[in-house]
């Protein structure tokens, strides 16, 4: 892996971490915590990494609250 490829991979990981933190903060502001929220480790591997955010699992109450928040954000069609 070249230095340029390594830097590109690290930049992608930094961006993924920033988005993860942004999402966690937005969910927290809505009173929702996804306990397994994090970065998907396999997608961080290699110089061609395409980082994904792993939303993980949550209990039924959390899923209902998340659905309610999303419904409240829907725009009329």
Protein backbone atom coordinates (compact mmCIF):
# COMPACT_ATOMS: atom_id res chain seq x y z
CA UNK A 1 0.00 0.00 0.00
CA UNK A 2 1.39 3.37 -0.97
CA UNK A 3 1.39 6.38 1.30
CA UNK A 4 -1.29 7.97 -0.89
CA UNK A 5 -3.51 4.88 -0.65
CA UNK A 6 -2.95 4.69 3.12
CA UNK A 7 -3.90 8.35 3.54
CA UNK A 8 -7.04 7.88 1.41
CA UNK A 9 -8.07 4.91 3.56
CA UNK A 10 -7.45 6.85 6.77
CA UNK A 11 -9.45 9.79 5.43
CA UNK A 12 -12.39 7.48 4.73
CA UNK A 13 -12.20 6.10 8.26
CA UNK A 14 -12.04 9.61 9.75
CA UNK A 15 -15.11 10.59 7.72
CA UNK A 16 -16.95 7.46 8.88
CA UNK A 17 -16.10 8.24 12.52
CA UNK A 18 -17.40 11.79 12.11
CA UNK A 19 -20.67 10.58 10.57
CA UNK A 20 -21.02 7.95 13.30
CA UNK A 21 -20.62 10.64 15.98
CA UNK A 22 -23.07 12.94 14.15
CA UNK A 23 -25.67 10.17 13.95
CA UNK A 24 -25.20 9.18 17.59
CA UNK A 25 -25.67 12.81 18.66
CA UNK A 26 -28.80 13.23 16.51
CA UNK A 27 -30.30 10.03 17.87
CA UNK A 28 -29.45 11.08 21.41
CA UNK A 29 -31.14 14.44 20.81
CA UNK A 30 -34.28 12.50 19.88
CA UNK A 31 -33.98 10.41 23.05
CA UNK A 32 -32.80 7.29 21.20
CA UNK A 33 -29.75 5.19 21.93
CA UNK A 34 -28.71 2.37 19.64
CA UNK A 35 -26.39 0.38 21.91
CA UNK A 36 -24.64 -1.41 19.05
CA UNK A 37 -24.13 1.69 16.88
CA UNK A 38 -20.61 1.71 15.52
CA UNK A 39 -18.35 1.31 12.52
CA UNK A 40 -18.55 -1.97 10.61
CA UNK A 41 -15.03 -3.33 11.07
CA UNK A 42 -14.81 -5.51 7.92
CA UNK A 43 -15.58 -2.51 5.71
CA UNK A 44 -12.63 -0.61 7.17
CA UNK A 45 -10.08 -3.13 5.95
CA UNK A 46 -7.79 -2.56 3.00
CA UNK A 47 -6.84 0.47 1.02
CA UNK A 48 -10.09 0.39 -0.98
CA UNK A 49 -12.17 0.56 2.19
CA UNK A 50 -15.75 1.72 1.90
CA UNK A 51 -16.68 2.32 5.54
CA UNK A 52 -20.21 1.49 6.65
CA UNK A 53 -22.04 2.50 9.80
CA UNK A 54 -23.43 -0.52 11.65
CA UNK A 55 -26.73 0.43 13.27
CA UNK A 56 -26.68 -2.79 15.24
CA UNK A 57 -29.55 -4.19 17.22
CA UNK A 58 -32.06 -2.56 19.53
CA UNK A 59 -35.02 -3.56 21.67
CA UNK A 60 -38.65 -3.12 20.61
CA UNK A 61 -39.16 0.10 22.56
CA UNK A 62 -36.17 1.73 20.89
CA UNK A 63 -37.33 0.56 17.46
CA UNK A 64 -40.79 2.04 18.11
CA UNK A 65 -39.29 5.38 19.21
CA UNK A 66 -37.05 5.44 16.15
CA UNK A 67 -40.01 4.71 13.87
CA UNK A 68 -42.03 7.50 15.53
CA UNK A 69 -39.21 10.02 15.05
CA UNK A 70 -38.83 9.03 11.41
CA UNK A 71 -42.58 9.26 10.81
CA UNK A 72 -42.57 12.75 12.33
CA UNK A 73 -39.93 13.76 9.77
CA UNK A 74 -41.83 12.46 6.74
CA UNK A 75 -42.91 14.97 4.16
CA UNK A 76 -46.42 14.70 2.71
CA UNK A 77 -46.53 13.06 -0.69
